[in-house]
Protein backbone atom coordinates (compact mmCIF):
# COMPACT_ATOMS: atom_id res chain seq x y z
CA MET A 1 55.65 -3.84 55.95
CA ASN A 2 52.57 -6.01 55.66
CA GLN A 3 50.59 -6.46 52.45
CA GLN A 4 47.57 -4.39 53.57
CA ILE A 5 49.79 -1.38 54.20
CA LYS A 6 51.54 -1.85 50.86
CA ASN A 7 48.21 -2.11 49.04
CA SER A 8 46.69 0.95 50.72
CA ILE A 9 49.77 3.07 50.02
CA GLU A 10 49.81 1.89 46.40
CA ARG A 11 46.14 2.88 46.05
CA LEU A 12 46.94 6.35 47.44
CA LYS A 13 49.79 6.70 44.97
CA GLN A 14 47.49 5.69 42.10
CA THR A 15 44.92 8.32 43.04
CA ILE A 16 47.62 11.00 43.23
CA SER A 17 48.93 9.90 39.81
CA GLU A 18 45.43 10.17 38.33
CA ILE A 19 45.15 13.74 39.61
CA GLU A 20 48.59 14.60 38.24
CA ARG A 21 47.57 13.30 34.80
CA LEU A 22 44.43 15.42 34.59
CA ASP A 23 44.17 17.60 31.53
CA ARG A 24 44.59 21.35 32.12
CA SER A 25 40.84 21.78 31.54
CA TYR A 26 40.17 20.09 34.88
CA TRP A 27 42.10 22.83 36.58
CA ASN A 28 40.45 25.67 34.66
CA ILE A 29 39.02 28.09 37.22
CA SER A 30 36.02 28.79 34.99
CA LEU A 31 34.88 25.19 35.49
CA GLY A 32 34.66 25.58 39.23
CA THR A 33 35.81 22.83 41.53
CA SER A 34 32.80 20.53 41.81
CA HIS A 35 34.29 18.16 39.24
CA LEU A 36 37.25 17.61 41.56
CA SER A 37 35.11 16.52 44.52
CA ALA A 38 35.31 12.84 43.60
CA TYR A 39 39.10 13.01 43.51
CA ALA A 40 39.18 14.81 46.85
CA GLU A 41 36.95 12.17 48.45
CA GLN A 42 39.07 9.37 47.00
CA LEU A 43 42.24 10.94 48.41
CA VAL A 44 40.66 11.21 51.86
CA ASN A 45 39.42 7.63 51.76
CA ASP A 46 42.78 6.31 50.55
CA ALA A 47 44.65 8.23 53.26
CA LYS A 48 42.26 7.04 55.98
CA THR A 49 42.65 3.44 54.84
CA ALA A 50 46.44 3.70 54.86
CA ALA A 51 46.35 5.34 58.30
CA ALA A 52 44.07 2.66 59.72
CA HIS A 53 46.36 -0.11 58.50
CA LEU A 54 49.42 1.65 59.89
CA LYS A 55 47.78 2.16 63.29
CA THR A 56 46.69 -1.47 63.44
CA TYR A 57 50.15 -2.66 62.43
CA GLY A 58 51.74 -0.46 65.07
CA LYS A 59 49.65 -2.06 67.84
CA LYS A 60 50.90 -5.57 67.11
């Protein structure tokens, strides 16, 4: 596996770990979900980056 793929997967894992470590207050329904938008966007970006590297690697 090339380094770009390793790095992008590691970044995705880090984002997931950050979400897992969130205090229960972040998940409190009374707070709504707008505070989680940044995490959602980061997950999407990390996954897209990993996917792009995998697709590029697969074409070589």
